[in-house]
Amino acid sequence: MAPKRTAARGPYKIPTIYPLPDSLALRQKIRVSDAARLNAIHEDTFRKEHSRLIKKVSENVEAVELGDALSVGIPKVTV
């Protein structure tokens, strides 16, 4: 059996298909996993703490608006 291949992902790059005005660029949809990476938290944590931002795009696809993902900010750390 061949070993599983894992993709090494570099720094997050905001996906763009073509140049958009800033007002529209912030409304583009990104995957939930990318929104979590953008905020340096695990996808499950993002889903639990920010479920109000997740929109159902189709039957099997969920997405977050880029502007919403950026507005989450740094999660609070309790000591």
PDB file of N, CA and C in Angstrom:
ATOM      1  N   MET A   1       0.843  -1.175   0.000  1.00  0.00           N
ATOM      2  CA  MET A   1       0.000   0.000   0.000  1.00  0.00           C
ATOM      3  C   MET A   1       0.890   1.241   0.000  1.00  0.00           C
ATOM      4  N   ALA A   2       0.568   2.177  -0.843  1.00  0.00           N
ATOM      5  CA  ALA A   2       1.355   3.398  -0.955  1.00  0.00           C
ATOM      6  C   ALA A   2       1.071   4.306   0.233  1.00  0.00           C
ATOM      7  N   PRO A   3       2.087   5.029   0.704  1.00  0.00           N
ATOM      8  CA  PRO A   3       1.865   5.947   1.827  1.00  0.00           C
ATOM      9  C   PRO A   3       0.986   7.120   1.396  1.00  0.00           C
ATOM     10  N   LYS A   4       0.238   7.667   2.350  1.00  0.00           N
ATOM     11  CA  LYS A   4      -0.621   8.808   2.052  1.00  0.00           C
ATOM     12  C   LYS A   4       0.236  10.022   1.741  1.00  0.00           C
ATOM     13  N   ARG A   5      -0.194  10.781   0.760  1.00  0.00           N
ATOM     14  CA  ARG A   5       0.511  12.009   0.426  1.00  0.00           C
ATOM     15  C   ARG A   5      -0.206  13.167   1.103  1.00  0.00           C
ATOM     16  N   THR A   6       0.549  14.003   1.757  1.00  0.00           N
ATOM     17  CA  THR A   6      -0.035  15.199   2.349  1.00  0.00           C
ATOM     18  C   THR A   6       0.559  16.405   1.645  1.00  0.00           C
ATOM     19  N   ALA A   7      -0.288  17.335   1.334  1.00  0.00           N
ATOM     20  CA  ALA A   7       0.169  18.531   0.638  1.00  0.00           C
ATOM     21  C   ALA A   7       0.753  19.508   1.652  1.00  0.00           C
ATOM     22  N   ALA A   8       1.955  19.951   1.387  1.00  0.00           N
ATOM     23  CA  ALA A   8       2.562  20.977   2.227  1.00  0.00           C
ATOM     24  C   ALA A   8       2.051  22.323   1.741  1.00  0.00           C
ATOM     25  N   ARG A   9       1.369  23.033   2.615  1.00  0.00           N
ATOM     26  CA  ARG A   9       0.799  24.313   2.218  1.00  0.00           C
ATOM     27  C   ARG A   9       1.627  25.428   2.812  1.00  0.00           C
ATOM     28  N   GLY A  10       1.923  26.393   1.997  1.00  0.00           N
ATOM     29  CA  GLY A  10       2.704  27.539   2.443  1.00  0.00           C
ATOM     30  C   GLY A  10       1.814  28.592   3.066  1.00  0.00           C
ATOM     31  N   PRO A  11       2.299  29.825   3.122  1.00  0.00           N
ATOM     32  CA  PRO A  11       1.510  30.912   3.692  1.00  0.00           C
ATOM     33  C   PRO A  11       0.211  31.102   2.919  1.00  0.00           C
ATOM     34  N   TYR A  12      -0.827  31.525   3.625  1.00  0.00           N
ATOM     35  CA  TYR A  12      -2.134  31.679   2.995  1.00  0.00           C
ATOM     36  C   TYR A  12      -2.121  32.841   2.016  1.00  0.00           C
ATOM     37  N   LYS A  13      -2.640  32.609   0.837  1.00  0.00           N
ATOM     38  CA  LYS A  13      -2.794  33.660  -0.174  1.00  0.00           C
ATOM     39  C   LYS A  13      -4.272  33.807  -0.454  1.00  0.00           C
ATOM     40  N   ILE A  14      -4.757  35.042  -0.428  1.00  0.00           N
ATOM     41  CA  ILE A  14      -6.169  35.278  -0.696  1.00  0.00           C
ATOM     42  C   ILE A  14      -6.445  34.941  -2.155  1.00  0.00           C
ATOM     43  N   PRO A  15      -7.402  34.030  -2.397  1.00  0.00           N
ATOM     44  CA  PRO A  15      -7.666  33.627  -3.780  1.00  0.00           C
ATOM     45  C   PRO A  15      -8.315  34.753  -4.579  1.00  0.00           C
ATOM     46  N   THR A  16      -7.809  34.971  -5.775  1.00  0.00           N
ATOM     47  CA  THR A  16      -8.430  35.954  -6.656  1.00  0.00           C
ATOM     48  C   THR A  16      -8.495  35.384  -8.049  1.00  0.00           C
ATOM     49  N   ILE A  17      -9.622  35.536  -8.669  1.00  0.00           N
ATOM     50  CA  ILE A  17      -9.789  35.100 -10.047  1.00  0.00           C
ATOM     51  C   ILE A  17      -9.411  36.249 -10.977  1.00  0.00           C
ATOM     52  N   TYR A  18      -9.813  37.435 -10.609  1.00  0.00           N
ATOM     53  CA  TYR A  18      -9.527  38.633 -11.378  1.00  0.00           C
ATOM     54  C   TYR A  18      -9.570  39.807 -10.407  1.00  0.00           C
ATOM     55  N   PRO A  19      -8.962  40.945 -10.777  1.00  0.00           N
ATOM     56  CA  PRO A  19      -8.952  42.078  -9.847  1.00  0.00           C
ATOM     57  C   PRO A  19     -10.375  42.572  -9.564  1.00  0.00           C
ATOM     58  N   LEU A  20     -10.663  42.791  -8.306  1.00  0.00           N
ATOM     59  CA  LEU A  20     -11.971  43.277  -7.886  1.00  0.00           C
ATOM     60  C   LEU A  20     -11.802  44.540  -7.061  1.00  0.00           C
ATOM     61  N   PRO A  21     -12.797  45.427  -7.084  1.00  0.00           N
ATOM     62  CA  PRO A  21     -12.743  46.555  -6.153  1.00  0.00           C
ATOM     63  C   PRO A  21     -12.787  46.018  -4.717  1.00  0.00           C
ATOM     64  N   ASP A  22     -12.220  46.759  -3.788  1.00  0.00           N
ATOM     65  CA  ASP A  22     -12.138  46.287  -2.398  1.00  0.00           C
ATOM     66  C   ASP A  22     -13.492  45.909  -1.823  1.00  0.00           C
ATOM     67  N   SER A  23     -14.522  46.655  -2.156  1.00  0.00           N
ATOM     68  CA  SER A  23     -15.842  46.366  -1.607  1.00  0.00           C
ATOM     69  C   SER A  23     -16.342  44.991  -2.050  1.00  0.00           C
ATOM     70  N   LEU A  24     -16.005  44.585  -3.265  1.00  0.00           N
ATOM     71  CA  LEU A  24     -16.413  43.264  -3.743  1.00  0.00           C
ATOM     72  C   LEU A  24     -15.439  42.179  -3.326  1.00  0.00           C
ATOM     73  N   ALA A  25     -14.166  42.516  -3.228  1.00  0.00           N
ATOM     74  CA  ALA A  25     -13.161  41.521  -2.846  1.00  0.00           C
ATOM     75  C   ALA A  25     -13.456  40.971  -1.460  1.00  0.00           C
ATOM     76  N   LEU A  26     -13.925  41.808  -0.556  1.00  0.00           N
ATOM     77  CA  LEU A  26     -14.215  41.358   0.799  1.00  0.00           C
ATOM     78  C   LEU A  26     -15.473  40.512   0.877  1.00  0.00           C
ATOM     79  N   ARG A  27     -16.288  40.523  -0.183  1.00  0.00           N
ATOM     80  CA  ARG A  27     -17.516  39.730  -0.184  1.00  0.00           C
ATOM     81  C   ARG A  27     -17.335  38.374  -0.849  1.00  0.00           C
ATOM     82  N   GLN A  28     -16.151  38.103  -1.419  1.00  0.00           N
ATOM     83  CA  GLN A  28     -15.959  36.801  -2.060  1.00  0.00           C
ATOM     84  C   GLN A  28     -15.958  35.704  -1.010  1.00  0.00           C
ATOM     85  N   LYS A  29     -16.381  34.533  -1.413  1.00  0.00           N
ATOM     86  CA  LYS A  29     -16.511  33.396  -0.506  1.00  0.00           C
ATOM     87  C   LYS A  29     -15.224  32.582  -0.504  1.00  0.00           C
ATOM     88  N   ILE A  30     -14.805  32.171   0.693  1.00  0.00           N
ATOM     89  CA  ILE A  30     -13.648  31.289   0.822  1.00  0.00           C
ATOM     90  C   ILE A  30     -14.073  30.071   1.636  1.00  0.00           C
ATOM     91  N   ARG A  31     -13.325  28.989   1.508  1.00  0.00           N
ATOM     92  CA  ARG A  31     -13.646  27.768   2.245  1.00  0.00           C
ATOM     93  C   ARG A  31     -13.487  27.996   3.744  1.00  0.00           C
ATOM     94  N   VAL A  32     -14.222  27.241   4.521  1.00  0.00           N
ATOM     95  CA  VAL A  32     -14.152  27.350   5.980  1.00  0.00           C
ATOM     96  C   VAL A  32     -12.739  27.018   6.455  1.00  0.00           C
ATOM     97  N   SER A  33     -12.114  26.027   5.841  1.00  0.00           N
ATOM     98  CA  SER A  33     -10.750  25.657   6.240  1.00  0.00           C
ATOM     99  C   SER A  33      -9.778  26.810   5.996  1.00  0.00           C
ATOM    100  N   ASP A  34      -9.973  27.548   4.898  1.00  0.00           N
ATOM    101  CA  ASP A  34      -9.103  28.691   4.620  1.00  0.00           C
ATOM    102  C   ASP A  34      -9.363  29.834   5.602  1.00  0.00           C
ATOM    103  N   ALA A  35     -10.619  30.040   5.967  1.00  0.00           N
ATOM    104  CA  ALA A  35     -10.941  31.069   6.956  1.00  0.00           C
ATOM    105  C   ALA A  35     -10.290  30.741   8.298  1.00  0.00           C
ATOM    106  N   ALA A  36     -10.280  29.464   8.661  1.00  0.00           N
ATOM    107  CA  ALA A  36      -9.636  29.044   9.902  1.00  0.00           C
ATOM    108  C   ALA A  36      -8.132  29.261   9.835  1.00  0.00           C
ATOM    109  N   ARG A  37      -7.524  28.888   8.724  1.00  0.00           N
ATOM    110  CA  ARG A  37      -6.076  29.089   8.556  1.00  0.00           C
ATOM    111  C   ARG A  37      -5.725  30.562   8.615  1.00  0.00           C
ATOM    112  N   LEU A  38      -6.575  31.398   8.032  1.00  0.00           N
ATOM    113  CA  LEU A  38      -6.346  32.838   8.014  1.00  0.00           C
ATOM    114  C   LEU A  38      -6.301  33.399   9.431  1.00  0.00           C
ATOM    115  N   ASN A  39      -7.048  32.774  10.333  1.00  0.00           N
ATOM    116  CA  ASN A  39      -7.095  33.217  11.727  1.00  0.00           C
ATOM    117  C   ASN A  39      -6.231  32.366  12.652  1.00  0.00           C
ATOM    118  N   ALA A  40      -5.454  31.456  12.070  1.00  0.00           N
ATOM    119  CA  ALA A  40      -4.514  30.611  12.826  1.00  0.00           C
ATOM    120  C   ALA A  40      -5.210  29.798  13.910  1.00  0.00           C
ATOM    121  N   ILE A  41      -6.377  29.245  13.565  1.00  0.00           N
ATOM    122  CA  ILE A  41      -7.071  28.351  14.480  1.00  0.00           C
ATOM    123  C   ILE A  41      -7.496  27.105  13.710  1.00  0.00           C
ATOM    124  N   HIS A  42      -7.827  26.065  14.435  1.00  0.00           N
ATOM    125  CA  HIS A  42      -8.252  24.819  13.814  1.00  0.00           C
ATOM    126  C   HIS A  42      -9.641  25.005  13.208  1.00  0.00           C
ATOM    127  N   GLU A  43      -9.915  24.292  12.127  1.00  0.00           N
ATOM    128  CA  GLU A  43     -11.204  24.408  11.444  1.00  0.00           C
ATOM    129  C   GLU A  43     -12.375  24.092  12.371  1.00  0.00           C
ATOM    130  N   ASP A  44     -12.242  23.064  13.200  1.00  0.00           N
ATOM    131  CA  ASP A  44     -13.329  22.715  14.124  1.00  0.00           C
ATOM    132  C   ASP A  44     -13.598  23.836  15.123  1.00  0.00           C
ATOM    133  N   THR A  45     -12.530  24.479  15.595  1.00  0.00           N
ATOM    134  CA  THR A  45     -12.687  25.608  16.515  1.00  0.00           C
ATOM    135  C   THR A  45     -13.389  26.760  15.824  1.00  0.00           C
ATOM    136  N   PHE A  46     -13.008  27.025  14.577  1.00  0.00           N
ATOM    137  CA  PHE A  46     -13.659  28.104  13.817  1.00  0.00           C
ATOM    138  C   PHE A  46     -15.144  27.794  13.651  1.00  0.00           C
ATOM    139  N   ARG A  47     -15.462  26.547  13.304  1.00  0.00           N
ATOM    140  CA  ARG A  47     -16.870  26.163  13.128  1.00  0.00           C
ATOM    141  C   ARG A  47     -17.659  26.332  14.429  1.00  0.00           C
ATOM    142  N   LYS A  48     -17.040  25.987  15.564  1.00  0.00           N
ATOM    143  CA  LYS A  48     -17.733  26.066  16.846  1.00  0.00           C
ATOM    144  C   LYS A  48     -17.917  27.517  17.305  1.00  0.00           C
ATOM    145  N   GLU A  49     -16.856  28.325  17.211  1.00  0.00           N
ATOM    146  CA  GLU A  49     -16.900  29.679  17.753  1.00  0.00           C
ATOM    147  C   GLU A  49     -17.480  30.713  16.788  1.00  0.00           C
ATOM    148  N   HIS A  50     -17.458  30.440  15.496  1.00  0.00           N
ATOM    149  CA  HIS A  50     -17.908  31.429  14.515  1.00  0.00           C
ATOM    150  C   HIS A  50     -18.911  30.829  13.533  1.00  0.00           C
ATOM    151  N   SER A  51     -19.758  29.954  14.015  1.00  0.00           N
ATOM    152  CA  SER A  51     -20.723  29.270  13.144  1.00  0.00           C
ATOM    153  C   SER A  51     -21.685  30.254  12.475  1.00  0.00           C
ATOM    154  N   ARG A  52     -21.900  31.418  13.098  1.00  0.00           N
ATOM    155  CA  ARG A  52     -22.807  32.408  12.519  1.00  0.00           C
ATOM    156  C   ARG A  52     -22.282  32.976  11.196  1.00  0.00           C
ATOM    157  N   LEU A  53     -20.976  32.849  10.943  1.00  0.00           N
ATOM    158  CA  LEU A  53     -20.377  33.383   9.716  1.00  0.00           C
ATOM    159  C   LEU A  53     -20.433  32.401   8.555  1.00  0.00           C
ATOM    160  N   ILE A  54     -20.703  31.134   8.844  1.00  0.00           N
ATOM    161  CA  ILE A  54     -20.654  30.088   7.820  1.00  0.00           C
ATOM    162  C   ILE A  54     -21.972  30.037   7.073  1.00  0.00           C
ATOM    163  N   LYS A  55     -21.876  30.137   5.743  1.00  0.00           N
ATOM    164  CA  LYS A  55     -23.048  30.085   4.871  1.00  0.00           C
ATOM    165  C   LYS A  55     -23.020  28.797   4.057  1.00  0.00           C
ATOM    166  N   LYS A  56     -24.165  28.214   3.857  1.00  0.00           N
ATOM    167  CA  LYS A  56     -24.288  27.006   3.034  1.00  0.00           C
ATOM    168  C   LYS A  56     -24.419  27.456   1.579  1.00  0.00           C
ATOM    169  N   VAL A  57     -23.397  27.190   0.769  1.00  0.00           N
ATOM    170  CA  VAL A  57     -23.377  27.613  -0.624  1.00  0.00           C
ATOM    171  C   VAL A  57     -24.141  26.618  -1.492  1.00  0.00           C
ATOM    172  N   SER A  58     -23.949  25.342  -1.235  1.00  0.00           N
ATOM    173  CA  SER A  58     -24.691  24.296  -1.924  1.00  0.00           C
ATOM    174  C   SER A  58     -24.879  23.152  -0.928  1.00  0.00           C
ATOM    175  N   GLU A  59     -25.378  22.043  -1.411  1.00  0.00           N
ATOM    176  CA  GLU A  59     -25.659  20.925  -0.515  1.00  0.00           C
ATOM    177  C   GLU A  59     -24.435  20.471   0.269  1.00  0.00           C
ATOM    178  N   ASN A  60     -23.277  20.455  -0.373  1.00  0.00           N
ATOM    179  CA  ASN A  60     -22.067  19.936   0.271  1.00  0.00           C
ATOM    180  C   ASN A  60     -20.997  20.991   0.512  1.00  0.00           C
ATOM    181  N   VAL A  61     -21.280  22.249   0.191  1.00  0.00           N
ATOM    182  CA  VAL A  61     -20.249  23.278   0.272  1.00  0.00           C
ATOM    183  C   VAL A  61     -20.659  24.365   1.258  1.00  0.00           C
ATOM    184  N   GLU A  62     -19.750  24.655   2.184  1.00  0.00           N
ATOM    185  CA  GLU A  62     -19.946  25.749   3.125  1.00  0.00           C
ATOM    186  C   GLU A  62     -18.809  26.745   2.931  1.00  0.00           C
ATOM    187  N   ALA A  63     -19.121  28.035   3.058  1.00  0.00           N
ATOM    188  CA  ALA A  63     -18.124  29.068   2.820  1.00  0.00           C
ATOM    189  C   ALA A  63     -18.327  30.220   3.791  1.00  0.00           C
ATOM    190  N   VAL A  64     -17.300  31.058   3.867  1.00  0.00           N
ATOM    191  CA  VAL A  64     -17.316  32.249   4.709  1.00  0.00           C
ATOM    192  C   VAL A  64     -16.917  33.419   3.815  1.00  0.00           C
ATOM    193  N   GLU A  65     -17.556  34.572   4.011  1.00  0.00           N
ATOM    194  CA  GLU A  65     -17.133  35.754   3.262  1.00  0.00           C
ATOM    195  C   GLU A  65     -15.770  36.186   3.781  1.00  0.00           C
ATOM    196  N   LEU A  66     -14.905  36.592   2.876  1.00  0.00           N
ATOM    197  CA  LEU A  66     -13.543  36.969   3.235  1.00  0.00           C
ATOM    198  C   LEU A  66     -13.540  38.094   4.262  1.00  0.00           C
ATOM    199  N   GLY A  67     -14.383  39.091   4.076  1.00  0.00           N
ATOM    200  CA  GLY A  67     -14.444  40.200   5.025  1.00  0.00           C
ATOM    201  C   GLY A  67     -14.819  39.745   6.420  1.00  0.00           C
ATOM    202  N   ASP A  68     -15.736  38.788   6.514  1.00  0.00           N
ATOM    203  CA  ASP A  68     -16.129  38.251   7.819  1.00  0.00           C
ATOM    204  C   ASP A  68     -14.969  37.493   8.460  1.00  0.00           C
ATOM    205  N   ALA A  69     -14.252  36.720   7.652  1.00  0.00           N
ATOM    206  CA  ALA A  69     -13.115  35.956   8.175  1.00  0.00           C
ATOM    207  C   ALA A  69     -12.020  36.890   8.676  1.00  0.00           C
ATOM    208  N   LEU A  70     -11.810  37.991   7.985  1.00  0.00           N
ATOM    209  CA  LEU A  70     -10.784  38.948   8.409  1.00  0.00           C
ATOM    210  C   LEU A  70     -11.208  39.712   9.657  1.00  0.00           C
ATOM    211  N   SER A  71     -12.509  39.901   9.842  1.00  0.00           N
ATOM    212  CA  SER A  71     -12.987  40.690  10.982  1.00  0.00           C
ATOM    213  C   SER A  71     -12.984  39.899  12.285  1.00  0.00           C
ATOM    214  N   VAL A  72     -12.765  38.598  12.219  1.00  0.00           N
ATOM    215  CA  VAL A  72     -12.752  37.778  13.427  1.00  0.00           C
ATOM    216  C   VAL A  72     -11.619  38.216  14.350  1.00  0.00           C
ATOM    217  N   GLY A  73     -10.460  38.497  13.791  1.00  0.00           N
ATOM    218  CA  GLY A  73      -9.329  38.962  14.592  1.00  0.00           C
ATOM    219  C   GLY A  73      -8.657  37.854  15.365  1.00  0.00           C
ATOM    220  N   ILE A  74      -7.859  38.247  16.320  1.00  0.00           N
ATOM    221  CA  ILE A  74      -7.080  37.301  17.116  1.00  0.00           C
ATOM    222  C   ILE A  74      -7.970  36.754  18.235  1.00  0.00           C
ATOM    223  N   PRO A  75      -8.043  35.431  18.378  1.00  0.00           N
ATOM    224  CA  PRO A  75      -8.864  34.873  19.455  1.00  0.00           C
ATOM    225  C   PRO A  75      -8.302  35.248  20.822  1.00  0.00           C
ATOM    226  N   LYS A  76      -9.203  35.431  21.802  1.00  0.00           N
ATOM    227  CA  LYS A  76      -8.788  35.774  23.158  1.00  0.00           C
ATOM    228  C   LYS A  76      -8.156  34.557  23.820  1.00  0.00           C
ATOM    229  N   VAL A  77      -7.084  34.800  24.559  1.00  0.00           N
ATOM    230  CA  VAL A  77      -6.395  33.734  25.275  1.00  0.00           C
ATOM    231  C   VAL A  77      -6.619  33.967  26.759  1.00  0.00           C
ATOM    232  N   THR A  78      -7.129  32.967  27.444  1.00  0.00           N
ATOM    233  CA  THR A  78      -7.317  33.090  28.889  1.00  0.00           C
ATOM    234  C   THR A  78      -6.184  32.401  29.609  1.00  0.00           C
ATOM    235  N   VAL A  79      -5.728  33.012  30.656  1.00  0.00           N
ATOM    236  CA  VAL A  79      -4.597  32.469  31.427  1.00  0.00           C
ATOM    237  C   VAL A  79      -5.076  31.841  32.696  1.00  0.00           C
TER     238      VAL A  79
END
